[in-house]
Amino acid sequence: MIIGISIALILASALMVLLVLLHKGKGGGLSDLFGGGFSSSFGGSSVVERNLDRLTVITGTVWFVCIIALGLLLKP
């Protein structure tokens, strides 16, 4: 059980990093360094941005639940 939740936590963490880097930047920042400025010139769809936001929130929720579950399982 602990190993399964740990694996889910690692996967959720990696996905969270990827999703945050995919968000369009609001102005010169880390996202522009990784291509955020380049992709904004194509005029991304608002539907895609909304789905990316939803996926990020869902991934964050899974990450949070994994942290709480591991904390409760590993509590002495």
C-alpha atoms as a PDB file:
ATOM      1  CA  MET A   1       0.000   0.000   0.000  1.00  0.00           C
ATOM      2  CA  ILE A   2       2.767   2.421   0.962  1.00  0.00           C
ATOM      3  CA  ILE A   3       4.766   1.555  -2.154  1.00  0.00           C
ATOM      4  CA  GLY A   4       1.730   2.134  -4.395  1.00  0.00           C
ATOM      5  CA  ILE A   5       0.992   5.523  -2.884  1.00  0.00           C
ATOM      6  CA  SER A   6       4.669   6.460  -3.122  1.00  0.00           C
ATOM      7  CA  ILE A   7       4.714   5.589  -6.821  1.00  0.00           C
ATOM      8  CA  ALA A   8       1.524   7.605  -7.377  1.00  0.00           C
ATOM      9  CA  LEU A   9       3.130  10.528  -5.540  1.00  0.00           C
ATOM     10  CA  ILE A  10       6.240  10.400  -7.724  1.00  0.00           C
ATOM     11  CA  LEU A  11       4.161  10.265 -10.905  1.00  0.00           C
ATOM     12  CA  ALA A  12       1.892  13.099  -9.740  1.00  0.00           C
ATOM     13  CA  SER A  13       4.929  15.220  -8.848  1.00  0.00           C
ATOM     14  CA  ALA A  14       6.537  14.733 -12.266  1.00  0.00           C
ATOM     15  CA  LEU A  15       3.247  15.444 -14.040  1.00  0.00           C
ATOM     16  CA  MET A  16       2.707  18.558 -11.920  1.00  0.00           C
ATOM     17  CA  VAL A  17       6.109  19.963 -12.928  1.00  0.00           C
ATOM     18  CA  LEU A  18       5.334  19.302 -16.591  1.00  0.00           C
ATOM     19  CA  LEU A  19       1.865  20.864 -16.408  1.00  0.00           C
ATOM     20  CA  VAL A  20       3.077  23.999 -14.627  1.00  0.00           C
ATOM     21  CA  LEU A  21       5.772  24.506 -17.248  1.00  0.00           C
ATOM     22  CA  LEU A  22       3.180  24.145 -20.033  1.00  0.00           C
ATOM     23  CA  HIS A  23       1.086  27.061 -18.754  1.00  0.00           C
ATOM     24  CA  LYS A  24       1.283  30.242 -20.773  1.00  0.00           C
ATOM     25  CA  GLY A  25       3.306  32.944 -19.057  1.00  0.00           C
ATOM     26  CA  LYS A  26       1.792  36.276 -18.046  1.00  0.00           C
ATOM     27  CA  GLY A  27       5.044  38.073 -18.842  1.00  0.00           C
ATOM     28  CA  GLY A  28       8.795  37.485 -18.780  1.00  0.00           C
ATOM     29  CA  GLY A  29       9.406  34.567 -16.509  1.00  0.00           C
ATOM     30  CA  LEU A  30      10.469  30.969 -16.410  1.00  0.00           C
ATOM     31  CA  SER A  31       7.758  29.893 -18.863  1.00  0.00           C
ATOM     32  CA  ASP A  32       9.189  32.242 -21.508  1.00  0.00           C
ATOM     33  CA  LEU A  33      12.559  30.600 -21.044  1.00  0.00           C
ATOM     34  CA  PHE A  34      11.068  27.181 -21.855  1.00  0.00           C
ATOM     35  CA  GLY A  35       9.088  28.344 -24.879  1.00  0.00           C
ATOM     36  CA  GLY A  36       6.051  30.064 -23.362  1.00  0.00           C
ATOM     37  CA  GLY A  37       6.682  33.178 -25.437  1.00  0.00           C
ATOM     38  CA  PHE A  38       7.018  31.123 -28.600  1.00  0.00           C
ATOM     39  CA  SER A  39       3.763  29.237 -28.108  1.00  0.00           C
ATOM     40  CA  SER A  40       1.857  32.424 -27.237  1.00  0.00           C
ATOM     41  CA  SER A  41       2.547  33.749 -30.742  1.00  0.00           C
ATOM     42  CA  PHE A  42       0.343  30.963 -32.111  1.00  0.00           C
ATOM     43  CA  GLY A  43      -2.631  32.245 -30.078  1.00  0.00           C
ATOM     44  CA  GLY A  44      -3.573  29.237 -27.993  1.00  0.00           C
ATOM     45  CA  SER A  45      -7.181  28.231 -27.629  1.00  0.00           C
ATOM     46  CA  SER A  46      -9.002  29.122 -24.448  1.00  0.00           C
ATOM     47  CA  VAL A  47     -10.484  25.596 -24.362  1.00  0.00           C
ATOM     48  CA  VAL A  48      -6.990  24.104 -24.276  1.00  0.00           C
ATOM     49  CA  GLU A  49      -5.965  26.499 -21.494  1.00  0.00           C
ATOM     50  CA  ARG A  50      -9.069  25.615 -19.461  1.00  0.00           C
ATOM     51  CA  ASN A  51      -8.436  21.901 -19.867  1.00  0.00           C
ATOM     52  CA  LEU A  52      -4.797  22.412 -18.859  1.00  0.00           C
ATOM     53  CA  ASP A  53      -5.980  24.282 -15.760  1.00  0.00           C
ATOM     54  CA  ARG A  54      -8.404  21.484 -14.872  1.00  0.00           C
ATOM     55  CA  LEU A  55      -5.766  18.814 -15.358  1.00  0.00           C
ATOM     56  CA  THR A  56      -3.346  20.783 -13.183  1.00  0.00           C
ATOM     57  CA  VAL A  57      -5.921  21.116 -10.393  1.00  0.00           C
ATOM     58  CA  ILE A  58      -6.778  17.404 -10.575  1.00  0.00           C
ATOM     59  CA  THR A  59      -3.089  16.470 -10.476  1.00  0.00           C
ATOM     60  CA  GLY A  60      -2.545  18.795  -7.520  1.00  0.00           C
ATOM     61  CA  THR A  61      -5.455  17.205  -5.695  1.00  0.00           C
ATOM     62  CA  VAL A  62      -4.088  13.699  -6.325  1.00  0.00           C
ATOM     63  CA  TRP A  63      -0.674  14.873  -5.093  1.00  0.00           C
ATOM     64  CA  PHE A  64      -2.210  16.348  -1.934  1.00  0.00           C
ATOM     65  CA  VAL A  65      -4.226  13.189  -1.196  1.00  0.00           C
ATOM     66  CA  CYS A  66      -1.088  11.062  -1.647  1.00  0.00           C
ATOM     67  CA  ILE A  67       0.837  13.265   0.808  1.00  0.00           C
ATOM     68  CA  ILE A  68      -1.944  13.028   3.412  1.00  0.00           C
ATOM     69  CA  ALA A  69      -2.313   9.234   2.921  1.00  0.00           C
ATOM     70  CA  LEU A  70       1.430   8.644   3.289  1.00  0.00           C
ATOM     71  CA  GLY A  71       1.506  10.842   6.373  1.00  0.00           C
ATOM     72  CA  LEU A  72      -1.290   8.850   7.977  1.00  0.00           C
ATOM     73  CA  LEU A  73       0.171   5.458   7.007  1.00  0.00           C
ATOM     74  CA  LEU A  74       3.678   6.287   8.198  1.00  0.00           C
ATOM     75  CA  LYS A  75       2.527   7.881  11.467  1.00  0.00           C
ATOM     76  CA  PRO A  76       4.049   5.939  14.384  1.00  0.00           C
END
